[in-house]
Amino acid sequence: MIEVPGEVIERQDSMVRVRAAARSGGCGRCNEPGGCGSAKVGSMFRAEHADIWVEDRLGVEMGERVLVCLDEGVSMQAALLGYMIPVVGIVIGAAIGVFVGGDASADGAAVVGALAGLGGGVLVSRWMGRGRPVEADPVLKRMGGETC
């Protein structure tokens, strides 16, 4: 399970919004001699915090520190749907474009095929992602007592 600590900042009916601080990443040697500084570079492109809407089954209070728990398989599924299928679509589309275009216009046909494959891959990813399992929803736990 992936555990993300955060603070409850808003409530709407049975849902609460939890503000989770962005993880710092890296090895922690940024300020030491020999440190590569990659965490500093990465922080320029990362949001300061993330807001996550979660169903409140615990009756948490505003300002309460909580854990948001998410099954690790969900992130793998999201990566496959979001990246792998569109990339496969690009490769297949480019190959079909070259095959159909022939030698005379292979590059242009490959580009057109790749764009068509990307569009098709995105559509397939969206279609496959519609039937997500129930356990894909994040679960709220109280900080300190329970773990994910």
Protein backbone atom coordinates (compact mmCIF):
# COMPACT_ATOMS: atom_id res chain seq x y z
CA MET A 1 0.00 0.00 0.00
CA ILE A 2 1.07 3.54 -0.73
CA GLU A 3 0.70 5.82 2.31
CA VAL A 4 0.45 9.59 1.88
CA PRO A 5 0.21 11.73 5.03
CA GLY A 6 -1.91 14.86 4.82
CA GLU A 7 -4.30 17.25 6.54
CA VAL A 8 -8.06 17.55 6.07
CA ILE A 9 -8.76 21.01 4.64
CA GLU A 10 -12.32 20.85 3.26
CA ARG A 11 -15.52 18.84 3.55
CA GLN A 12 -18.35 18.39 1.05
CA ASP A 13 -21.06 15.94 2.10
CA SER A 14 -19.33 12.57 2.65
CA MET A 15 -16.09 13.61 0.92
CA VAL A 16 -13.07 15.37 2.42
CA ARG A 17 -10.19 17.08 0.68
CA VAL A 18 -6.80 16.11 2.07
CA ARG A 19 -3.79 18.30 1.36
CA ALA A 20 -0.65 16.18 1.09
CA ALA A 21 2.79 17.78 0.97
CA ALA A 22 4.87 16.90 -2.08
CA ARG A 23 7.62 14.40 -1.37
CA SER A 24 11.14 15.77 -1.51
CA GLY A 25 12.70 12.81 -3.33
CA GLY A 26 16.38 12.23 -3.88
CA CYS A 27 18.95 10.96 -1.42
CA GLY A 28 19.01 14.03 0.83
CA ARG A 29 22.64 14.93 0.03
CA CYS A 30 21.79 18.02 -2.05
CA ASN A 31 23.56 20.45 0.26
CA GLU A 32 26.55 18.19 0.98
CA PRO A 33 29.76 18.08 -1.06
CA GLY A 34 29.39 15.52 -3.84
CA GLY A 35 25.61 15.72 -3.85
CA CYS A 36 24.11 15.92 -7.34
CA GLY A 37 21.31 18.36 -6.52
CA SER A 38 18.70 16.44 -8.50
CA ALA A 39 16.07 16.95 -5.79
CA LYS A 40 16.52 20.73 -6.13
CA VAL A 41 16.10 20.55 -9.89
CA GLY A 42 13.07 18.27 -9.52
CA SER A 43 11.45 20.63 -7.02
CA MET A 44 11.24 23.32 -9.71
CA PHE A 45 8.82 21.12 -11.66
CA ARG A 46 6.83 19.70 -8.73
CA ALA A 47 3.83 21.25 -7.04
CA GLU A 48 4.16 22.30 -3.39
CA HIS A 49 1.23 20.07 -2.43
CA ALA A 50 -1.41 17.76 -3.84
CA ASP A 51 -5.10 17.81 -2.93
CA ILE A 52 -6.86 14.44 -2.83
CA TRP A 53 -10.62 13.95 -2.48
CA VAL A 54 -11.41 10.90 -0.31
CA GLU A 55 -14.64 9.43 1.02
CA ASP A 56 -14.80 10.05 4.78
CA ARG A 57 -15.85 6.81 6.47
CA LEU A 58 -14.18 7.78 9.77
CA GLY A 59 -15.81 11.12 10.57
CA VAL A 60 -12.57 13.09 10.58
CA GLU A 61 -12.39 16.72 11.67
CA MET A 62 -11.11 19.76 9.78
CA GLY A 63 -7.36 20.15 10.31
CA GLU A 64 -6.91 16.54 11.42
CA ARG A 65 -3.76 14.74 10.22
CA VAL A 66 -4.64 11.56 8.29
CA LEU A 67 -3.15 8.93 6.00
CA VAL A 68 -4.47 8.44 2.48
CA CYS A 69 -3.93 4.80 1.47
CA LEU A 70 -3.87 3.54 -2.12
CA ASP A 71 -3.21 0.05 -3.47
CA GLU A 72 0.16 -0.11 -5.27
CA GLY A 73 -1.41 -1.98 -8.19
CA VAL A 74 -3.45 1.10 -9.01
CA SER A 75 -0.35 3.16 -9.84
CA MET A 76 0.97 0.37 -12.08
CA GLN A 77 -2.37 0.16 -13.87
CA ALA A 78 -2.43 3.93 -14.31
CA ALA A 79 1.10 3.91 -15.74
CA LEU A 80 0.23 1.18 -18.20
CA LEU A 81 -2.96 2.90 -19.31
CA GLY A 82 -1.46 6.36 -19.41
CA TYR A 83 1.89 5.62 -21.06
CA MET A 84 2.32 2.09 -22.39
CA ILE A 85 -0.80 1.79 -24.53
CA PRO A 86 -0.35 5.17 -26.26
CA VAL A 87 3.33 4.41 -26.94
CA VAL A 88 2.44 1.03 -28.44
CA GLY A 89 -0.16 2.87 -30.53
CA ILE A 90 2.52 5.27 -31.80
CA VAL A 91 4.84 2.42 -32.81
CA ILE A 92 2.11 0.40 -34.51
CA GLY A 93 0.70 3.49 -36.23
CA ALA A 94 4.15 4.50 -37.53
CA ALA A 95 4.79 0.99 -38.83
CA ILE A 96 1.44 0.90 -40.62
CA GLY A 97 2.12 4.38 -42.02
CA VAL A 98 5.46 3.28 -43.48
CA PHE A 99 3.91 0.10 -44.87
CA VAL A 100 1.02 1.96 -46.51
CA GLY A 101 3.09 4.99 -47.62
CA GLY A 102 5.82 2.99 -49.29
CA ASP A 103 9.37 4.18 -50.02
CA ALA A 104 8.46 7.49 -51.65
CA SER A 105 6.90 9.14 -48.61
CA ALA A 106 7.99 6.87 -45.74
CA ASP A 107 8.83 9.67 -43.28
CA GLY A 108 5.63 11.65 -43.79
CA ALA A 109 3.52 8.50 -43.70
CA ALA A 110 5.28 7.38 -40.51
CA VAL A 111 4.51 10.69 -38.82
CA VAL A 112 0.86 10.59 -39.87
CA GLY A 113 0.61 6.95 -38.79
CA ALA A 114 2.28 7.70 -35.45
CA LEU A 115 -0.16 10.55 -34.74
CA ALA A 116 -3.10 8.34 -35.68
CA GLY A 117 -1.66 5.57 -33.49
CA LEU A 118 -1.27 8.00 -30.59
CA GLY A 119 -4.88 9.08 -30.91
CA GLY A 120 -6.02 5.48 -31.09
CA GLY A 121 -3.87 4.54 -28.09
CA VAL A 122 -5.30 7.37 -26.01
CA LEU A 123 -8.85 6.33 -26.91
CA VAL A 124 -8.12 2.69 -26.03
CA SER A 125 -6.55 3.77 -22.71
CA ARG A 126 -9.58 5.86 -21.82
CA TRP A 127 -11.95 3.03 -22.75
CA MET A 128 -9.99 0.51 -20.68
CA GLY A 129 -9.76 2.89 -17.72
CA ARG A 130 -13.53 3.39 -17.49
CA GLY A 131 -14.12 0.09 -15.66
CA ARG A 132 -11.71 0.67 -12.80
CA PRO A 133 -12.01 -1.65 -9.79
CA VAL A 134 -13.59 -0.45 -6.54
CA GLU A 135 -10.30 -0.92 -4.63
CA ALA A 136 -8.81 1.81 -6.83
CA ASP A 137 -10.43 4.41 -4.58
CA PRO A 138 -8.14 5.84 -1.88
CA VAL A 139 -8.98 4.97 1.73
CA LEU A 140 -8.66 7.30 4.73
CA LYS A 141 -6.92 6.18 7.96
CA ARG A 142 -6.25 8.06 11.18
CA MET A 143 -2.68 9.18 11.76
CA GLY A 144 -0.83 7.44 14.59
CA GLY A 145 -3.12 4.47 15.17
CA GLU A 146 -3.74 2.58 11.97
CA THR A 147 -1.42 1.94 9.09
CA CYS A 148 -2.40 1.16 5.56
